Amino acid sequence: MNTSDFLDYCMAKEDAHQSVHNDWKATQIKTKGVLFALVHDAQPGGQAVSLKTTEVKARELREKHKTIVPSEHLNPVHWSTLWLEGPLKDSEIYWLVDASFQQARSQ
């Protein structure tokens, strides 16, 4: 998946807007003021995204996919980072975006 497709998918969500977090040099995507995705450069994987899940789901994802790691910028218990050009299928990334969006909407 490329960054443009990822951002298009996120921005199609209800009340989604994006801004830049200058300290992290990252694009934040929020709904109603609540963060649900963070896009940033990460080495060695290129463009990375951080998405929120429950603690249990985060643990499951990290055990199943070694390329999903705890976020370094956000609470690593709930936020996980993955590489857009990594081994995950686009459908899996979209599912994770949807889950993160739903968590943000429930806050």
PDB file of N, CA and C in Angstrom:
ATOM      1  N   MET A   1       0.847  -1.170   0.000  1.00  0.00           N
ATOM      2  CA  MET A   1       0.000   0.000   0.000  1.00  0.00           C
ATOM      3  C   MET A   1       0.895   1.236   0.000  1.00  0.00           C
ATOM      4  N   ASN A   2       0.462   2.251  -0.703  1.00  0.00           N
ATOM      5  CA  ASN A   2       1.237   3.485  -0.683  1.00  0.00           C
ATOM      6  C   ASN A   2       0.578   4.514   0.241  1.00  0.00           C
ATOM      7  N   THR A   3       1.330   5.546   0.567  1.00  0.00           N
ATOM      8  CA  THR A   3       0.869   6.551   1.518  1.00  0.00           C
ATOM      9  C   THR A   3      -0.379   7.261   1.025  1.00  0.00           C
ATOM     10  N   SER A   4      -0.430   7.566  -0.254  1.00  0.00           N
ATOM     11  CA  SER A   4      -1.580   8.271  -0.818  1.00  0.00           C
ATOM     12  C   SER A   4      -2.870   7.463  -0.642  1.00  0.00           C
ATOM     13  N   ASP A   5      -2.818   6.168  -0.950  1.00  0.00           N
ATOM     14  CA  ASP A   5      -4.000   5.312  -0.783  1.00  0.00           C
ATOM     15  C   ASP A   5      -4.408   5.230   0.687  1.00  0.00           C
ATOM     16  N   PHE A   6      -3.421   5.136   1.560  1.00  0.00           N
ATOM     17  CA  PHE A   6      -3.707   5.074   2.994  1.00  0.00           C
ATOM     18  C   PHE A   6      -4.403   6.352   3.458  1.00  0.00           C
ATOM     19  N   LEU A   7      -3.844   7.504   3.095  1.00  0.00           N
ATOM     20  CA  LEU A   7      -4.433   8.770   3.504  1.00  0.00           C
ATOM     21  C   LEU A   7      -5.827   8.961   2.911  1.00  0.00           C
ATOM     22  N   ASP A   8      -6.009   8.579   1.661  1.00  0.00           N
ATOM     23  CA  ASP A   8      -7.340   8.672   1.040  1.00  0.00           C
ATOM     24  C   ASP A   8      -8.360   7.854   1.823  1.00  0.00           C
ATOM     25  N   TYR A   9      -7.976   6.652   2.223  1.00  0.00           N
ATOM     26  CA  TYR A   9      -8.893   5.792   2.972  1.00  0.00           C
ATOM     27  C   TYR A   9      -9.239   6.424   4.322  1.00  0.00           C
ATOM     28  N   CYS A  10      -8.236   6.932   5.007  1.00  0.00           N
ATOM     29  CA  CYS A  10      -8.474   7.563   6.308  1.00  0.00           C
ATOM     30  C   CYS A  10      -9.342   8.809   6.176  1.00  0.00           C
ATOM     31  N   MET A  11      -9.053   9.625   5.183  1.00  0.00           N
ATOM     32  CA  MET A  11      -9.769  10.888   5.038  1.00  0.00           C
ATOM     33  C   MET A  11     -11.210  10.702   4.568  1.00  0.00           C
ATOM     34  N   ALA A  12     -11.543   9.522   4.089  1.00  0.00           N
ATOM     35  CA  ALA A  12     -12.923   9.235   3.699  1.00  0.00           C
ATOM     36  C   ALA A  12     -13.801   8.932   4.915  1.00  0.00           C
ATOM     37  N   LYS A  13     -13.180   8.783   6.074  1.00  0.00           N
ATOM     38  CA  LYS A  13     -13.922   8.509   7.307  1.00  0.00           C
ATOM     39  C   LYS A  13     -14.666   9.777   7.757  1.00  0.00           C
ATOM     40  N   GLU A  14     -15.775   9.569   8.443  1.00  0.00           N
ATOM     41  CA  GLU A  14     -16.603  10.673   8.914  1.00  0.00           C
ATOM     42  C   GLU A  14     -15.812  11.613   9.828  1.00  0.00           C
ATOM     43  N   ASP A  15     -15.907  12.894   9.535  1.00  0.00           N
ATOM     44  CA  ASP A  15     -15.262  13.948  10.327  1.00  0.00           C
ATOM     45  C   ASP A  15     -13.740  13.825  10.409  1.00  0.00           C
ATOM     46  N   ALA A  16     -13.129  13.150   9.467  1.00  0.00           N
ATOM     47  CA  ALA A  16     -11.669  12.999   9.485  1.00  0.00           C
ATOM     48  C   ALA A  16     -10.998  14.279   9.006  1.00  0.00           C
ATOM     49  N   HIS A  17      -9.910  14.626   9.649  1.00  0.00           N
ATOM     50  CA  HIS A  17      -9.080  15.735   9.197  1.00  0.00           C
ATOM     51  C   HIS A  17      -7.626  15.408   9.531  1.00  0.00           C
ATOM     52  N   GLN A  18      -6.742  16.032   8.791  1.00  0.00           N
ATOM     53  CA  GLN A  18      -5.329  15.756   9.030  1.00  0.00           C
ATOM     54  C   GLN A  18      -4.584  17.034   9.348  1.00  0.00           C
ATOM     55  N   SER A  19      -3.507  16.848  10.074  1.00  0.00           N
ATOM     56  CA  SER A  19      -2.628  17.949  10.434  1.00  0.00           C
ATOM     57  C   SER A  19      -1.222  17.387  10.557  1.00  0.00           C
ATOM     58  N   VAL A  20      -0.271  18.274  10.718  1.00  0.00           N
ATOM     59  CA  VAL A  20       1.123  17.847  10.834  1.00  0.00           C
ATOM     60  C   VAL A  20       1.577  18.036  12.276  1.00  0.00           C
ATOM     61  N   HIS A  21       2.206  17.018  12.812  1.00  0.00           N
ATOM     62  CA  HIS A  21       2.832  17.098  14.136  1.00  0.00           C
ATOM     63  C   HIS A  21       4.295  17.409  13.859  1.00  0.00           C
ATOM     64  N   ASN A  22       4.668  18.674  14.053  1.00  0.00           N
ATOM     65  CA  ASN A  22       6.002  19.130  13.675  1.00  0.00           C
ATOM     66  C   ASN A  22       7.127  18.452  14.438  1.00  0.00           C
ATOM     67  N   ASP A  23       6.930  18.177  15.727  1.00  0.00           N
ATOM     68  CA  ASP A  23       7.999  17.553  16.510  1.00  0.00           C
ATOM     69  C   ASP A  23       8.359  16.172  15.983  1.00  0.00           C
ATOM     70  N   TRP A  24       7.343  15.428  15.547  1.00  0.00           N
ATOM     71  CA  TRP A  24       7.583  14.066  15.061  1.00  0.00           C
ATOM     72  C   TRP A  24       7.701  14.006  13.546  1.00  0.00           C
ATOM     73  N   LYS A  25       7.466  15.134  12.875  1.00  0.00           N
ATOM     74  CA  LYS A  25       7.443  15.162  11.405  1.00  0.00           C
ATOM     75  C   LYS A  25       6.496  14.079  10.891  1.00  0.00           C
ATOM     76  N   ALA A  26       5.276  14.130  11.420  1.00  0.00           N
ATOM     77  CA  ALA A  26       4.287  13.096  11.129  1.00  0.00           C
ATOM     78  C   ALA A  26       2.949  13.728  10.763  1.00  0.00           C
ATOM     79  N   THR A  27       2.177  13.022   9.960  1.00  0.00           N
ATOM     80  CA  THR A  27       0.819  13.427   9.632  1.00  0.00           C
ATOM     81  C   THR A  27      -0.128  12.740  10.595  1.00  0.00           C
ATOM     82  N   GLN A  28      -0.925  13.544  11.278  1.00  0.00           N
ATOM     83  CA  GLN A  28      -1.925  13.015  12.203  1.00  0.00           C
ATOM     84  C   GLN A  28      -3.274  13.001  11.509  1.00  0.00           C
ATOM     85  N   ILE A  29      -4.036  11.941  11.706  1.00  0.00           N
ATOM     86  CA  ILE A  29      -5.402  11.889  11.199  1.00  0.00           C
ATOM     87  C   ILE A  29      -6.307  11.703  12.400  1.00  0.00           C
ATOM     88  N   LYS A  30      -7.241  12.640  12.549  1.00  0.00           N
ATOM     89  CA  LYS A  30      -8.133  12.642  13.705  1.00  0.00           C
ATOM     90  C   LYS A  30      -9.590  12.654  13.247  1.00  0.00           C
ATOM     91  N   THR A  31     -10.462  12.198  14.134  1.00  0.00           N
ATOM     92  CA  THR A  31     -11.887  12.359  13.967  1.00  0.00           C
ATOM     93  C   THR A  31     -12.421  13.010  15.237  1.00  0.00           C
ATOM     94  N   LYS A  32     -13.145  14.087  15.066  1.00  0.00           N
ATOM     95  CA  LYS A  32     -13.681  14.837  16.202  1.00  0.00           C
ATOM     96  C   LYS A  32     -12.603  15.132  17.254  1.00  0.00           C
ATOM     97  N   GLY A  33     -11.397  15.451  16.767  1.00  0.00           N
ATOM     98  CA  GLY A  33     -10.302  15.825  17.649  1.00  0.00           C
ATOM     99  C   GLY A  33      -9.542  14.678  18.281  1.00  0.00           C
ATOM    100  N   VAL A  34      -9.906  13.431  17.957  1.00  0.00           N
ATOM    101  CA  VAL A  34      -9.250  12.266  18.552  1.00  0.00           C
ATOM    102  C   VAL A  34      -8.405  11.564  17.484  1.00  0.00           C
ATOM    103  N   LEU A  35      -7.139  11.364  17.790  1.00  0.00           N
ATOM    104  CA  LEU A  35      -6.205  10.725  16.871  1.00  0.00           C
ATOM    105  C   LEU A  35      -6.595   9.273  16.605  1.00  0.00           C
ATOM    106  N   PHE A  36      -6.582   8.872  15.315  1.00  0.00           N
ATOM    107  CA  PHE A  36      -6.774   7.460  15.002  1.00  0.00           C
ATOM    108  C   PHE A  36      -5.705   6.905  14.065  1.00  0.00           C
ATOM    109  N   ALA A  37      -4.865   7.760  13.491  1.00  0.00           N
ATOM    110  CA  ALA A  37      -3.759   7.267  12.662  1.00  0.00           C
ATOM    111  C   ALA A  37      -2.647   8.312  12.645  1.00  0.00           C
ATOM    112  N   LEU A  38      -1.424   7.815  12.587  1.00  0.00           N
ATOM    113  CA  LEU A  38      -0.247   8.677  12.526  1.00  0.00           C
ATOM    114  C   LEU A  38       0.671   8.107  11.453  1.00  0.00           C
ATOM    115  N   VAL A  39       1.019   8.913  10.464  1.00  0.00           N
ATOM    116  CA  VAL A  39       1.884   8.481   9.365  1.00  0.00           C
ATOM    117  C   VAL A  39       3.220   9.196   9.512  1.00  0.00           C
ATOM    118  N   HIS A  40       4.305   8.421   9.461  1.00  0.00           N
ATOM    119  CA  HIS A  40       5.627   9.018   9.651  1.00  0.00           C
ATOM    120  C   HIS A  40       6.684   8.174   8.958  1.00  0.00           C
ATOM    121  N   ASP A  41       7.845   8.790   8.753  1.00  0.00           N
ATOM    122  CA  ASP A  41       8.985   8.056   8.207  1.00  0.00           C
ATOM    123  C   ASP A  41       9.601   7.227   9.314  1.00  0.00           C
ATOM    124  N   ALA A  42       9.956   6.005   8.984  1.00  0.00           N
ATOM    125  CA  ALA A  42      10.620   5.130   9.954  1.00  0.00           C
ATOM    126  C   ALA A  42      11.666   4.313   9.223  1.00  0.00           C
ATOM    127  N   GLN A  43      12.771   4.127   9.857  1.00  0.00           N
ATOM    128  CA  GLN A  43      13.837   3.331   9.254  1.00  0.00           C
ATOM    129  C   GLN A  43      13.881   1.966   9.916  1.00  0.00           C
ATOM    130  N   PRO A  44      14.104   0.904   9.209  1.00  0.00           N
ATOM    131  CA  PRO A  44      14.466   0.863   7.798  1.00  0.00           C
ATOM    132  C   PRO A  44      13.271   0.687   6.869  1.00  0.00           C
ATOM    133  N   GLY A  45      12.058   0.736   7.378  1.00  0.00           N
ATOM    134  CA  GLY A  45      10.884   0.355   6.589  1.00  0.00           C
ATOM    135  C   GLY A  45      10.243   1.390   5.716  1.00  0.00           C
ATOM    136  N   GLY A  46      10.704   2.639   5.705  1.00  0.00           N
ATOM    137  CA  GLY A  46      10.073   3.666   4.892  1.00  0.00           C
ATOM    138  C   GLY A  46       8.900   4.290   5.623  1.00  0.00           C
ATOM    139  N   GLN A  47       7.762   4.438   4.959  1.00  0.00           N
ATOM    140  CA  GLN A  47       6.580   5.038   5.567  1.00  0.00           C
ATOM    141  C   GLN A  47       5.920   4.065   6.540  1.00  0.00           C
ATOM    142  N   ALA A  48       5.736   4.540   7.750  1.00  0.00           N
ATOM    143  CA  ALA A  48       5.111   3.728   8.788  1.00  0.00           C
ATOM    144  C   ALA A  48       3.834   4.416   9.246  1.00  0.00           C
ATOM    145  N   VAL A  49       2.913   3.616   9.779  1.00  0.00           N
ATOM    146  CA  VAL A  49       1.694   4.160  10.360  1.00  0.00           C
ATOM    147  C   VAL A  49       1.514   3.566  11.743  1.00  0.00           C
ATOM    148  N   SER A  50       0.983   4.388  12.627  1.00  0.00           N
ATOM    149  CA  SER A  50       0.646   3.917  13.958  1.00  0.00           C
ATOM    150  C   SER A  50      -0.868   3.950  14.082  1.00  0.00           C
ATOM    151  N   LEU A  51      -1.424   2.843  14.575  1.00  0.00           N
ATOM    152  CA  LEU A  51      -2.866   2.687  14.717  1.00  0.00           C
ATOM    153  C   LEU A  51      -3.176   2.142  16.100  1.00  0.00           C
ATOM    154  N   LYS A  52      -4.368   2.475  16.598  1.00  0.00           N
ATOM    155  CA  LYS A  52      -4.754   2.078  17.946  1.00  0.00           C
ATOM    156  C   LYS A  52      -5.648   0.836  17.922  1.00  0.00           C
ATOM    157  N   THR A  53      -5.423  -0.059  18.893  1.00  0.00           N
ATOM    158  CA  THR A  53      -6.277  -1.217  19.103  1.00  0.00           C
ATOM    159  C   THR A  53      -6.414  -1.428  20.607  1.00  0.00           C
ATOM    160  N   THR A  54      -7.177  -2.418  20.965  1.00  0.00           N
ATOM    161  CA  THR A  54      -7.230  -2.784  22.376  1.00  0.00           C
ATOM    162  C   THR A  54      -5.884  -3.399  22.756  1.00  0.00           C
ATOM    163  N   GLU A  55      -5.621  -3.468  24.028  1.00  0.00           N
ATOM    164  CA  GLU A  55      -4.372  -4.063  24.502  1.00  0.00           C
ATOM    165  C   GLU A  55      -4.257  -5.516  24.059  1.00  0.00           C
ATOM    166  N   VAL A  56      -5.345  -6.256  24.156  1.00  0.00           N
ATOM    167  CA  VAL A  56      -5.347  -7.673  23.774  1.00  0.00           C
ATOM    168  C   VAL A  56      -5.081  -7.826  22.283  1.00  0.00           C
ATOM    169  N   LYS A  57      -5.759  -7.022  21.464  1.00  0.00           N
ATOM    170  CA  LYS A  57      -5.572  -7.111  20.015  1.00  0.00           C
ATOM    171  C   LYS A  57      -4.150  -6.697  19.626  1.00  0.00           C
ATOM    172  N   ALA A  58      -3.617  -5.691  20.281  1.00  0.00           N
ATOM    173  CA  ALA A  58      -2.239  -5.269  19.983  1.00  0.00           C
ATOM    174  C   ALA A  58      -1.270  -6.418  20.234  1.00  0.00           C
ATOM    175  N   ARG A  59      -1.446  -7.104  21.351  1.00  0.00           N
ATOM    176  CA  ARG A  59      -0.579  -8.238  21.679  1.00  0.00           C
ATOM    177  C   ARG A  59      -0.725  -9.349  20.626  1.00  0.00           C
ATOM    178  N   GLU A  60      -1.965  -9.656  20.241  1.00  0.00           N
ATOM    179  CA  GLU A  60      -2.207 -10.693  19.226  1.00  0.00           C
ATOM    180  C   GLU A  60      -1.555 -10.335  17.894  1.00  0.00           C
ATOM    181  N   LEU A  61      -1.723  -9.086  17.473  1.00  0.00           N
ATOM    182  CA  LEU A  61      -1.151  -8.650  16.199  1.00  0.00           C
ATOM    183  C   LEU A  61       0.364  -8.760  16.199  1.00  0.00           C
ATOM    184  N   ARG A  62       0.982  -8.368  17.297  1.00  0.00           N
ATOM    185  CA  ARG A  62       2.453  -8.406  17.379  1.00  0.00           C
ATOM    186  C   ARG A  62       2.984  -9.830  17.416  1.00  0.00           C
ATOM    187  N   GLU A  63       2.221 -10.730  18.006  1.00  0.00           N
ATOM    188  CA  GLU A  63       2.635 -12.138  18.015  1.00  0.00           C
ATOM    189  C   GLU A  63       2.483 -12.762  16.629  1.00  0.00           C
ATOM    190  N   LYS A  64       1.438 -12.389  15.913  1.00  0.00           N
ATOM    191  CA  LYS A  64       1.153 -12.965  14.593  1.00  0.00           C
ATOM    192  C   LYS A  64       2.027 -12.353  13.502  1.00  0.00           C
ATOM    193  N   HIS A  65       2.266 -11.049  13.589  1.00  0.00           N
ATOM    194  CA  HIS A  65       3.020 -10.329  12.550  1.00  0.00           C
ATOM    195  C   HIS A  65       4.238  -9.678  13.187  1.00  0.00           C
ATOM    196  N   LYS A  66       5.388 -10.221  12.941  1.00  0.00           N
ATOM    197  CA  LYS A  66       6.620  -9.694  13.542  1.00  0.00           C
ATOM    198  C   LYS A  66       6.954  -8.278  13.052  1.00  0.00           C
ATOM    199  N   THR A  67       6.312  -7.841  11.962  1.00  0.00           N
ATOM    200  CA  THR A  67       6.568  -6.497  11.454  1.00  0.00           C
ATOM    201  C   THR A  67       5.659  -5.452  12.104  1.00  0.00           C
ATOM    202  N   ILE A  68       4.743  -5.858  12.962  1.00  0.00           N
ATOM    203  CA  ILE A  68       3.943  -4.919  13.744  1.00  0.00           C
ATOM    204  C   ILE A  68       4.605  -4.791  15.106  1.00  0.00           C
ATOM    205  N   VAL A  69       4.980  -3.567  15.441  1.00  0.00           N
ATOM    206  CA  VAL A  69       5.753  -3.318  16.664  1.00  0.00           C
ATOM    207  C   VAL A  69       5.063  -2.247  17.511  1.00  0.00           C
ATOM    208  N   PRO A  70       5.398  -2.179  18.799  1.00  0.00           N
ATOM    209  CA  PRO A  70       4.832  -1.115  19.635  1.00  0.00           C
ATOM    210  C   PRO A  70       5.233   0.262  19.098  1.00  0.00           C
ATOM    211  N   SER A  71       4.325   1.213  19.197  1.00  0.00           N
ATOM    212  CA  SER A  71       4.604   2.572  18.737  1.00  0.00           C
ATOM    213  C   SER A  71       5.685   3.213  19.606  1.00  0.00           C
ATOM    214  N   GLU A  72       6.556   3.981  18.969  1.00  0.00           N
ATOM    215  CA  GLU A  72       7.573   4.693  19.745  1.00  0.00           C
ATOM    216  C   GLU A  72       7.106   6.092  20.124  1.00  0.00           C
ATOM    217  N   HIS A  73       6.091   6.620  19.431  1.00  0.00           N
ATOM    218  CA  HIS A  73       5.616   7.981  19.696  1.00  0.00           C
ATOM    219  C   HIS A  73       4.392   8.014  20.613  1.00  0.00           C
ATOM    220  N   LEU A  74       3.598   6.957  20.594  1.00  0.00           N
ATOM    221  CA  LEU A  74       2.334   6.915  21.324  1.00  0.00           C
ATOM    222  C   LEU A  74       2.362   5.779  22.333  1.00  0.00           C
ATOM    223  N   ASN A  75       1.369   5.706  23.189  1.00  0.00           N
ATOM    224  CA  ASN A  75       1.309   4.665  24.218  1.00  0.00           C
ATOM    225  C   ASN A  75       1.457   3.281  23.565  1.00  0.00           C
ATOM    226  N   PRO A  76       2.572   2.592  23.792  1.00  0.00           N
ATOM    227  CA  PRO A  76       2.832   1.322  23.116  1.00  0.00           C
ATOM    228  C   PRO A  76       1.917   0.178  23.554  1.00  0.00           C
ATOM    229  N   VAL A  77       1.170   0.360  24.619  1.00  0.00           N
ATOM    230  CA  VAL A  77       0.229  -0.683  25.039  1.00  0.00           C
ATOM    231  C   VAL A  77      -0.898  -0.798  24.027  1.00  0.00           C
ATOM    232  N   HIS A  78      -1.363   0.338  23.516  1.00  0.00           N
ATOM    233  CA  HIS A  78      -2.510   0.357  22.609  1.00  0.00           C
ATOM    234  C   HIS A  78      -2.163   0.710  21.169  1.00  0.00           C
ATOM    235  N   TRP A  79      -1.057   1.385  20.958  1.00  0.00           N
ATOM    236  CA  TRP A  79      -0.697   1.850  19.626  1.00  0.00           C
ATOM    237  C   TRP A  79       0.405   0.974  19.042  1.00  0.00           C
ATOM    238  N   SER A  80       0.171   0.519  17.821  1.00  0.00           N
ATOM    239  CA  SER A  80       1.147  -0.318  17.118  1.00  0.00           C
ATOM    240  C   SER A  80       1.544   0.359  15.815  1.00  0.00           C
ATOM    241  N   THR A  81       2.770   0.081  15.396  1.00  0.00           N
ATOM    242  CA  THR A  81       3.304   0.644  14.166  1.00  0.00           C
ATOM    243  C   THR A  81       3.545  -0.471  13.159  1.00  0.00           C
ATOM    244  N   LEU A  82       3.201  -0.181  11.907  1.00  0.00           N
ATOM    245  CA  LEU A  82       3.444  -1.120  10.804  1.00  0.00           C
ATOM    246  C   LEU A  82       3.928  -0.329   9.604  1.00  0.00           C
ATOM    247  N   TRP A  83       4.545  -1.008   8.657  1.00  0.00           N
ATOM    248  CA  TRP A  83       5.086  -0.367   7.471  1.00  0.00           C
ATOM    249  C   TRP A  83       4.104  -0.544   6.320  1.00  0.00           C
ATOM    250  N   LEU A  84       3.809   0.571   5.638  1.00  0.00           N
ATOM    251  CA  LEU A  84       2.845   0.517   4.536  1.00  0.00           C
ATOM    252  C   LEU A  84       3.306  -0.401   3.416  1.00  0.00           C
ATOM    253  N   GLU A  85       4.583  -0.447   3.165  1.00  0.00           N
ATOM    254  CA  GLU A  85       5.100  -1.288   2.089  1.00  0.00           C
ATOM    255  C   GLU A  85       5.615  -2.621   2.620  1.00  0.00           C
ATOM    256  N   GLY A  86       5.119  -3.010   3.787  1.00  0.00           N
ATOM    257  CA  GLY A  86       5.515  -4.266   4.405  1.00  0.00           C
ATOM    258  C   GLY A  86       4.661  -5.430   3.924  1.00  0.00           C
ATOM    259  N   PRO A  87       4.729  -6.543   4.637  1.00  0.00           N
ATOM    260  CA  PRO A  87       4.074  -7.775   4.191  1.00  0.00           C
ATOM    261  C   PRO A  87       2.563  -7.840   4.423  1.00  0.00           C
ATOM    262  N   LEU A  88       1.995  -6.902   5.180  1.00  0.00           N
ATOM    263  CA  LEU A  88       0.552  -6.973   5.420  1.00  0.00           C
ATOM    264  C   LEU A  88      -0.226  -6.663   4.148  1.00  0.00           C
ATOM    265  N   LYS A  89      -1.319  -7.376   3.958  1.00  0.00           N
ATOM    266  CA  LYS A  89      -2.202  -7.115   2.824  1.00  0.00           C
ATOM    267  C   LYS A  89      -2.922  -5.795   3.056  1.00  0.00           C
ATOM    268  N   ASP A  90      -3.291  -5.138   1.962  1.00  0.00           N
ATOM    269  CA  ASP A  90      -4.038  -3.888   2.069  1.00  0.00           C
ATOM    270  C   ASP A  90      -5.304  -4.084   2.896  1.00  0.00           C
ATOM    271  N   SER A  91      -5.993  -5.197   2.691  1.00  0.00           N
ATOM    272  CA  SER A  91      -7.241  -5.454   3.419  1.00  0.00           C
ATOM    273  C   SER A  91      -6.995  -5.517   4.928  1.00  0.00           C
ATOM    274  N   GLU A  92      -5.849  -6.043   5.348  1.00  0.00           N
ATOM    275  CA  GLU A  92      -5.520  -6.095   6.775  1.00  0.00           C
ATOM    276  C   GLU A  92      -5.261  -4.689   7.321  1.00  0.00           C
ATOM    277  N   ILE A  93      -4.589  -3.875   6.535  1.00  0.00           N
ATOM    278  CA  ILE A  93      -4.326  -2.500   6.962  1.00  0.00           C
ATOM    279  C   ILE A  93      -5.635  -1.731   7.055  1.00  0.00           C
ATOM    280  N   TYR A  94      -6.513  -1.885   6.073  1.00  0.00           N
ATOM    281  CA  TYR A  94      -7.807  -1.205   6.119  1.00  0.00           C
ATOM    282  C   TYR A  94      -8.605  -1.646   7.345  1.00  0.00           C
ATOM    283  N   TRP A  95      -8.558  -2.927   7.670  1.00  0.00           N
ATOM    284  CA  TRP A  95      -9.272  -3.421   8.854  1.00  0.00           C
ATOM    285  C   TRP A  95      -8.721  -2.755  10.119  1.00  0.00           C
ATOM    286  N   LEU A  96      -7.406  -2.614  10.197  1.00  0.00           N
ATOM    287  CA  LEU A  96      -6.791  -1.970  11.360  1.00  0.00           C
ATOM    288  C   LEU A  96      -7.147  -0.487  11.440  1.00  0.00           C
ATOM    289  N   VAL A  97      -7.217   0.182  10.287  1.00  0.00           N
ATOM    290  CA  VAL A  97      -7.657   1.585  10.268  1.00  0.00           C
ATOM    291  C   VAL A  97      -9.082   1.678  10.803  1.00  0.00           C
ATOM    292  N   ASP A  98      -9.955   0.790  10.326  1.00  0.00           N
ATOM    293  CA  ASP A  98     -11.354   0.806  10.772  1.00  0.00           C
ATOM    294  C   ASP A  98     -11.446   0.596  12.279  1.00  0.00           C
ATOM    295  N   ALA A  99     -10.660  -0.327  12.808  1.00  0.00           N
ATOM    296  CA  ALA A  99     -10.683  -0.603  14.247  1.00  0.00           C
ATOM    297  C   ALA A  99     -10.185   0.606  15.033  1.00  0.00           C
ATOM    298  N   SER A 100      -9.127   1.240  14.553  1.00  0.00           N
ATOM    299  CA  SER A 100      -8.583   2.412  15.224  1.00  0.00           C
ATOM    300  C   SER A 100      -9.598   3.564  15.175  1.00  0.00           C
ATOM    301  N   PHE A 101     -10.234   3.739  14.031  1.00  0.00           N
ATOM    302  CA  PHE A 101     -11.244   4.786  13.882  1.00  0.00           C
ATOM    303  C   PHE A 101     -12.395   4.558  14.858  1.00  0.00           C
ATOM    304  N   GLN A 102     -12.854   3.318  14.973  1.00  0.00           N
ATOM    305  CA  GLN A 102     -13.966   3.018  15.888  1.00  0.00           C
ATOM    306  C   GLN A 102     -13.566   3.290  17.339  1.00  0.00           C
ATOM    307  N   GLN A 103     -12.335   2.976  17.697  1.00  0.00           N
ATOM    308  CA  GLN A 103     -11.877   3.281  19.049  1.00  0.00           C
ATOM    309  C   GLN A 103     -11.863   4.783  19.294  1.00  0.00           C
ATOM    310  N   ALA A 104     -11.404   5.548  18.306  1.00  0.00           N
ATOM    311  CA  ALA A 104     -11.377   6.998  18.461  1.00  0.00           C
ATOM    312  C   ALA A 104     -12.794   7.564  18.596  1.00  0.00           C
ATOM    313  N   ARG A 105     -13.719   7.018  17.834  1.00  0.00           N
ATOM    314  CA  ARG A 105     -15.106   7.504  17.892  1.00  0.00           C
ATOM    315  C   ARG A 105     -15.777   7.165  19.226  1.00  0.00           C
ATOM    316  N   SER A 106     -15.317   6.118  19.875  1.00  0.00           N
ATOM    317  CA  SER A 106     -15.966   5.700  21.131  1.00  0.00           C
ATOM    318  C   SER A 106     -15.442   6.480  22.342  1.00  0.00           C
ATOM    319  N   GLN A 107     -14.424   7.299  22.141  1.00  0.00           N
ATOM    320  CA  GLN A 107     -13.865   8.069  23.272  1.00  0.00           C
ATOM    321  C   GLN A 107     -14.663   9.319  23.532  1.00  0.00           C
TER     322      GLN A 107
END
